Every structure is written in structure tokens, then in C-alpha cells.
Amino acid sequence: MPFPSPTVPAANRTEVFLGYLDFFRDSVLAKVAALPEEELRRSRLPSGWTPLELVTHLRYVELRWIEWGFQGRDVAQPWGDRRGDAWYVGPEESVADVLAALRAQGAHTTAVVTANDLAAVGAPGPRWDGADPATLERVLFHLLQEYARHLGHLDIVAELAGGPVGK
């Protein structure tokens, strides 16, 4: 997927948000898919996270903000990407399943975003910690910064692992 350059016309703000979100998600998936499997479960950082754990984290970020937050759905384990204070992927979870879960979560996000106005306010619920729910636009802005930040982290880890450099 090409970078959604600001010089490329877009029909509306929803298209802009989804274009960037899809680009960042696809970039994460492509970068992880290009790494050897042994690097996906190995950390090269003092903090200890692995590329596969980052993918799971991003899947749960979308779940927490779109399903649990904006939609107000009951989510059994909204923090299922963690064990204690660290991201976690079980040894029984296959790489293919982790990548498919992020793709499926992304498809859900796209469906929700295209079915709602950006000014729509999220449903009340525990995601908001007692604050007023955010608008869909604010949620998407938050998701974009999460993806952009973590894609930058993944760029560095992939380079250290001898994987692809850049986008």
C-alpha cells in the first residue's frame, strides 16, 4: 500500500484517517512478515518486547479503543496482550494466527469507522475510566499515533535483526 501522501486528494477526513491507519497496519504486518521466525519471538531490547508481542499489542489497542471504548462492547480480556507489566504472546500462538488477528481487528475497525460519523461520541463504559467518552475522530487520532510510534520502534528492531530497513 502506498503512503497516503497529504498531496493525494481524499474524499473526506474519514478516508484520510483510514488511509493512514491501513498504511501503518500494513507496514507493521509487512515488516514482521519479512523477519525470520526466530526473530519474531526474540527481543533485542532491554525492555524485552518482541516483534510478535508488538503485533498483539496493536491488535488489542484497536480492540480497546474501538470495541471496548467507542462501541461500548463487553470485552472479556481487554488487556489480553499483557502478562503483568509486559506484552505477551503465548508459545502456542502461531505467527499466522497473530497476524490474522491484527488483520481481522483492522477490518472491524474499518467497518465501524465507515458506519459512523467522526463526530459520533463513544458509548459510556469502563474504557473511559469515568471520563466522558471520546469522539470517533479523537479515538482514530489516538490510534494513528500509537501505530506511527510503534512502527518506528519496529523499524529499529527489524534493522537490528537484519530485517528490512525503512518503510
C-alpha atoms as a PDB file:
ATOM      1  CA  MET A   1       0.000   0.000   0.000  1.00  0.00           C
ATOM      2  CA  PRO A   2       1.464   3.389  -0.953  1.00  0.00           C
ATOM      3  CA  PHE A   3       1.989   6.086   1.646  1.00  0.00           C
ATOM      4  CA  PRO A   4      -1.165   8.255   1.851  1.00  0.00           C
ATOM      5  CA  SER A   5       0.614  11.480   0.985  1.00  0.00           C
ATOM      6  CA  PRO A   6      -1.031  14.742   2.029  1.00  0.00           C
ATOM      7  CA  THR A   7      -0.846  15.810  -1.637  1.00  0.00           C
ATOM      8  CA  VAL A   8      -3.137  12.963  -2.750  1.00  0.00           C
ATOM      9  CA  PRO A   9      -6.755  14.142  -2.703  1.00  0.00           C
ATOM     10  CA  ALA A  10      -9.141  12.446  -0.287  1.00  0.00           C
ATOM     11  CA  ALA A  11     -12.930  12.488  -0.337  1.00  0.00           C
ATOM     12  CA  ASN A  12     -13.197  13.305   3.384  1.00  0.00           C
ATOM     13  CA  ARG A  13     -11.475  13.071   6.777  1.00  0.00           C
ATOM     14  CA  THR A  14     -12.682   9.502   7.258  1.00  0.00           C
ATOM     15  CA  GLU A  15     -10.781   8.456   4.136  1.00  0.00           C
ATOM     16  CA  VAL A  16      -7.674  10.236   5.439  1.00  0.00           C
ATOM     17  CA  PHE A  17      -7.837   8.509   8.827  1.00  0.00           C
ATOM     18  CA  LEU A  18      -8.452   5.069   7.315  1.00  0.00           C
ATOM     19  CA  GLY A  19      -5.758   5.567   4.682  1.00  0.00           C
ATOM     20  CA  TYR A  20      -3.094   6.288   7.276  1.00  0.00           C
ATOM     21  CA  LEU A  21      -4.328   3.605   9.654  1.00  0.00           C
ATOM     22  CA  ASP A  22      -4.306   0.984   6.879  1.00  0.00           C
ATOM     23  CA  PHE A  23      -0.857   2.120   5.750  1.00  0.00           C
ATOM     24  CA  PHE A  24       0.632   1.854   9.240  1.00  0.00           C
ATOM     25  CA  ARG A  25      -1.055  -1.502   9.943  1.00  0.00           C
ATOM     26  CA  ASP A  26       0.052  -2.936   6.586  1.00  0.00           C
ATOM     27  CA  SER A  27       3.590  -1.650   7.189  1.00  0.00           C
ATOM     28  CA  VAL A  28       3.737  -3.396  10.576  1.00  0.00           C
ATOM     29  CA  LEU A  29       2.432  -6.631   9.059  1.00  0.00           C
ATOM     30  CA  ALA A  30       4.864  -6.487   6.120  1.00  0.00           C
ATOM     31  CA  LYS A  31       7.856  -5.719   8.320  1.00  0.00           C
ATOM     32  CA  VAL A  32       7.031  -8.586  10.696  1.00  0.00           C
ATOM     33  CA  ALA A  33       6.384 -10.977   7.804  1.00  0.00           C
ATOM     34  CA  ALA A  34       9.846 -10.168   6.415  1.00  0.00           C
ATOM     35  CA  LEU A  35      11.627 -11.189   9.621  1.00  0.00           C
ATOM     36  CA  PRO A  36      12.809 -14.751  10.208  1.00  0.00           C
ATOM     37  CA  GLU A  37      10.517 -16.614  12.612  1.00  0.00           C
ATOM     38  CA  GLU A  38      13.196 -16.884  15.305  1.00  0.00           C
ATOM     39  CA  GLU A  39      13.428 -13.059  15.376  1.00  0.00           C
ATOM     40  CA  LEU A  40       9.668 -12.692  15.907  1.00  0.00           C
ATOM     41  CA  ARG A  41       9.816 -14.211  19.388  1.00  0.00           C
ATOM     42  CA  ARG A  42      13.205 -12.793  20.328  1.00  0.00           C
ATOM     43  CA  SER A  43      13.804  -9.431  21.946  1.00  0.00           C
ATOM     44  CA  ARG A  44      16.748  -7.268  21.021  1.00  0.00           C
ATOM     45  CA  LEU A  45      15.862  -4.597  23.580  1.00  0.00           C
ATOM     46  CA  PRO A  46      16.416  -4.132  27.322  1.00  0.00           C
ATOM     47  CA  SER A  47      12.640  -3.709  27.742  1.00  0.00           C
ATOM     48  CA  GLY A  48      12.198  -7.259  26.470  1.00  0.00           C
ATOM     49  CA  TRP A  49       9.351  -6.965  23.950  1.00  0.00           C
ATOM     50  CA  THR A  50       9.358  -8.996  20.750  1.00  0.00           C
ATOM     51  CA  PRO A  51       8.013  -8.103  17.290  1.00  0.00           C
ATOM     52  CA  LEU A  52       5.193 -10.645  17.682  1.00  0.00           C
ATOM     53  CA  GLU A  53       4.235  -9.117  21.029  1.00  0.00           C
ATOM     54  CA  LEU A  54       4.111  -5.696  19.365  1.00  0.00           C
ATOM     55  CA  VAL A  55       1.651  -7.045  16.770  1.00  0.00           C
ATOM     56  CA  THR A  56      -0.552  -8.474  19.519  1.00  0.00           C
ATOM     57  CA  HIS A  57      -0.358  -5.198  21.410  1.00  0.00           C
ATOM     58  CA  LEU A  58      -1.543  -3.244  18.353  1.00  0.00           C
ATOM     59  CA  ARG A  59      -4.421  -5.653  17.854  1.00  0.00           C
ATOM     60  CA  TYR A  60      -5.512  -5.099  21.449  1.00  0.00           C
ATOM     61  CA  VAL A  61      -5.059  -1.339  21.142  1.00  0.00           C
ATOM     62  CA  GLU A  62      -7.634  -1.353  18.342  1.00  0.00           C
ATOM     63  CA  LEU A  63      -9.902  -3.675  20.321  1.00  0.00           C
ATOM     64  CA  ARG A  64      -9.700  -1.474  23.433  1.00  0.00           C
ATOM     65  CA  TRP A  65     -10.361   1.801  21.632  1.00  0.00           C
ATOM     66  CA  ILE A  66     -12.903   0.696  19.029  1.00  0.00           C
ATOM     67  CA  GLU A  67     -14.837  -2.226  20.512  1.00  0.00           C
ATOM     68  CA  TRP A  68     -14.461  -1.729  24.265  1.00  0.00           C
ATOM     69  CA  GLY A  69     -14.298   2.058  24.042  1.00  0.00           C
ATOM     70  CA  PHE A  70     -16.194   3.568  21.133  1.00  0.00           C
ATOM     71  CA  GLN A  71     -18.716   0.739  20.715  1.00  0.00           C
ATOM     72  CA  GLY A  72     -19.024   0.096  24.449  1.00  0.00           C
ATOM     73  CA  ARG A  73     -18.914  -3.668  23.975  1.00  0.00           C
ATOM     74  CA  ASP A  74     -18.263  -6.041  26.816  1.00  0.00           C
ATOM     75  CA  VAL A  75     -14.738  -7.354  26.206  1.00  0.00           C
ATOM     76  CA  ALA A  76     -13.740 -10.293  28.394  1.00  0.00           C
ATOM     77  CA  GLN A  77      -9.998  -9.534  28.400  1.00  0.00           C
ATOM     78  CA  PRO A  78      -9.347  -6.010  27.137  1.00  0.00           C
ATOM     79  CA  TRP A  79      -5.766  -6.233  28.420  1.00  0.00           C
ATOM     80  CA  GLY A  80      -5.158  -9.725  26.989  1.00  0.00           C
ATOM     81  CA  ASP A  81      -1.946  -8.529  25.345  1.00  0.00           C
ATOM     82  CA  ARG A  82      -0.272  -8.312  28.760  1.00  0.00           C
ATOM     83  CA  ARG A  83       1.083 -10.516  31.480  1.00  0.00           C
ATOM     84  CA  GLY A  84       1.909  -8.256  34.379  1.00  0.00           C
ATOM     85  CA  ASP A  85       3.527  -5.115  33.002  1.00  0.00           C
ATOM     86  CA  ALA A  86       4.808  -6.709  29.790  1.00  0.00           C
ATOM     87  CA  TRP A  87       3.324  -7.547  26.402  1.00  0.00           C
ATOM     88  CA  TYR A  88       2.798 -11.270  25.950  1.00  0.00           C
ATOM     89  CA  VAL A  89       2.250 -13.863  23.223  1.00  0.00           C
ATOM     90  CA  GLY A  90       1.907 -17.468  24.314  1.00  0.00           C
ATOM     91  CA  PRO A  91       4.156 -20.101  22.765  1.00  0.00           C
ATOM     92  CA  GLU A  92       1.049 -21.894  21.454  1.00  0.00           C
ATOM     93  CA  GLU A  93       0.019 -18.819  19.418  1.00  0.00           C
ATOM     94  CA  SER A  94       1.221 -19.188  15.827  1.00  0.00           C
ATOM     95  CA  VAL A  95       2.684 -16.322  13.853  1.00  0.00           C
ATOM     96  CA  ALA A  96      -0.049 -16.771  11.247  1.00  0.00           C
ATOM     97  CA  ASP A  97      -2.774 -16.538  13.904  1.00  0.00           C
ATOM     98  CA  VAL A  98      -1.288 -13.397  15.471  1.00  0.00           C
ATOM     99  CA  LEU A  99      -1.020 -11.672  12.083  1.00  0.00           C
ATOM    100  CA  ALA A 100      -4.535 -12.793  11.110  1.00  0.00           C
ATOM    101  CA  ALA A 101      -5.918 -11.432  14.389  1.00  0.00           C
ATOM    102  CA  LEU A 102      -4.484  -7.977  13.636  1.00  0.00           C
ATOM    103  CA  ARG A 103      -5.892  -8.083  10.096  1.00  0.00           C
ATOM    104  CA  ALA A 104      -9.329  -9.085  11.422  1.00  0.00           C
ATOM    105  CA  GLN A 105      -9.258  -6.361  14.064  1.00  0.00           C
ATOM    106  CA  GLY A 106      -8.335  -3.869  11.357  1.00  0.00           C
ATOM    107  CA  ALA A 107     -11.270  -4.986   9.214  1.00  0.00           C
ATOM    108  CA  HIS A 108     -13.560  -4.484  12.210  1.00  0.00           C
ATOM    109  CA  THR A 109     -12.156  -1.006  12.805  1.00  0.00           C
ATOM    110  CA  THR A 110     -12.727  -0.093   9.160  1.00  0.00           C
ATOM    111  CA  ALA A 111     -16.328  -1.326   9.314  1.00  0.00           C
ATOM    112  CA  VAL A 112     -17.028   0.694  12.462  1.00  0.00           C
ATOM    113  CA  VAL A 113     -15.388   3.845  11.119  1.00  0.00           C
ATOM    114  CA  THR A 114     -17.195   3.731   7.777  1.00  0.00           C
ATOM    115  CA  ALA A 115     -20.545   3.180   9.524  1.00  0.00           C
ATOM    116  CA  ASN A 116     -20.180   6.188  11.852  1.00  0.00           C
ATOM    117  CA  ASP A 117     -19.626   9.905  11.663  1.00  0.00           C
ATOM    118  CA  LEU A 118     -16.289  11.108  13.013  1.00  0.00           C
ATOM    119  CA  ALA A 119     -18.150  13.405  15.412  1.00  0.00           C
ATOM    120  CA  ALA A 120     -20.046  10.459  16.950  1.00  0.00           C
ATOM    121  CA  VAL A 121     -19.380  10.086  20.663  1.00  0.00           C
ATOM    122  CA  GLY A 122     -18.409   6.681  22.005  1.00  0.00           C
ATOM    123  CA  ALA A 123     -20.658   4.641  24.260  1.00  0.00           C
ATOM    124  CA  PRO A 124     -20.224   5.076  28.011  1.00  0.00           C
ATOM    125  CA  GLY A 125     -18.277   2.262  29.628  1.00  0.00           C
ATOM    126  CA  PRO A 126     -15.253   1.189  31.621  1.00  0.00           C
ATOM    127  CA  ARG A 127     -12.767   2.093  28.870  1.00  0.00           C
ATOM    128  CA  TRP A 128     -13.139   5.757  29.721  1.00  0.00           C
ATOM    129  CA  ASP A 129     -12.265   5.425  33.443  1.00  0.00           C
ATOM    130  CA  GLY A 130     -15.170   7.661  34.448  1.00  0.00           C
ATOM    131  CA  ALA A 131     -14.440  10.403  31.889  1.00  0.00           C
ATOM    132  CA  ASP A 132     -16.866  11.355  29.140  1.00  0.00           C
ATOM    133  CA  PRO A 133     -16.439   9.116  26.081  1.00  0.00           C
ATOM    134  CA  ALA A 134     -14.359  10.480  23.228  1.00  0.00           C
ATOM    135  CA  THR A 135     -15.499  11.088  19.671  1.00  0.00           C
ATOM    136  CA  LEU A 136     -14.575   8.614  16.959  1.00  0.00           C
ATOM    137  CA  GLU A 137     -12.244  11.217  15.460  1.00  0.00           C
ATOM    138  CA  ARG A 138     -10.281  11.519  18.728  1.00  0.00           C
ATOM    139  CA  VAL A 139     -10.099   7.726  19.033  1.00  0.00           C
ATOM    140  CA  LEU A 140      -8.741   7.458  15.493  1.00  0.00           C
ATOM    141  CA  PHE A 141      -6.202  10.198  16.122  1.00  0.00           C
ATOM    142  CA  HIS A 142      -5.006   8.225  19.144  1.00  0.00           C
ATOM    143  CA  LEU A 143      -4.799   5.001  17.104  1.00  0.00           C
ATOM    144  CA  LEU A 144      -2.735   6.741  14.432  1.00  0.00           C
ATOM    145  CA  GLN A 145      -0.172   7.991  16.923  1.00  0.00           C
ATOM    146  CA  GLU A 146       0.027   4.503  18.504  1.00  0.00           C
ATOM    147  CA  TYR A 147       0.689   2.898  15.137  1.00  0.00           C
ATOM    148  CA  ALA A 148       3.164   5.539  13.967  1.00  0.00           C
ATOM    149  CA  ARG A 149       5.126   5.370  17.224  1.00  0.00           C
ATOM    150  CA  HIS A 150       5.232   1.583  17.332  1.00  0.00           C
ATOM    151  CA  LEU A 151       6.088   1.266  13.639  1.00  0.00           C
ATOM    152  CA  GLY A 152       9.117   3.430  14.392  1.00  0.00           C
ATOM    153  CA  HIS A 153      10.057   1.096  17.238  1.00  0.00           C
ATOM    154  CA  LEU A 154       9.647  -1.889  14.924  1.00  0.00           C
ATOM    155  CA  ASP A 155      11.834  -0.212  12.269  1.00  0.00           C
ATOM    156  CA  ILE A 156      14.716  -0.139  14.742  1.00  0.00           C
ATOM    157  CA  VAL A 157      14.194  -3.703  15.960  1.00  0.00           C
ATOM    158  CA  ALA A 158      13.929  -5.026  12.390  1.00  0.00           C
ATOM    159  CA  GLU A 159      17.156  -3.279  11.454  1.00  0.00           C
ATOM    160  CA  LEU A 160      18.932  -4.752  14.498  1.00  0.00           C
ATOM    161  CA  ALA A 161      17.627  -8.182  13.463  1.00  0.00           C
ATOM    162  CA  GLY A 162      18.978  -7.809   9.928  1.00  0.00           C
ATOM    163  CA  GLY A 163      15.496  -7.367   8.502  1.00  0.00           C
ATOM    164  CA  PRO A 164      14.065  -4.701   6.220  1.00  0.00           C
ATOM    165  CA  VAL A 165      15.064  -1.088   6.783  1.00  0.00           C
ATOM    166  CA  GLY A 166      12.666   1.824   6.276  1.00  0.00           C
ATOM    167  CA  LYS A 167       9.062   1.513   5.221  1.00  0.00           C
END
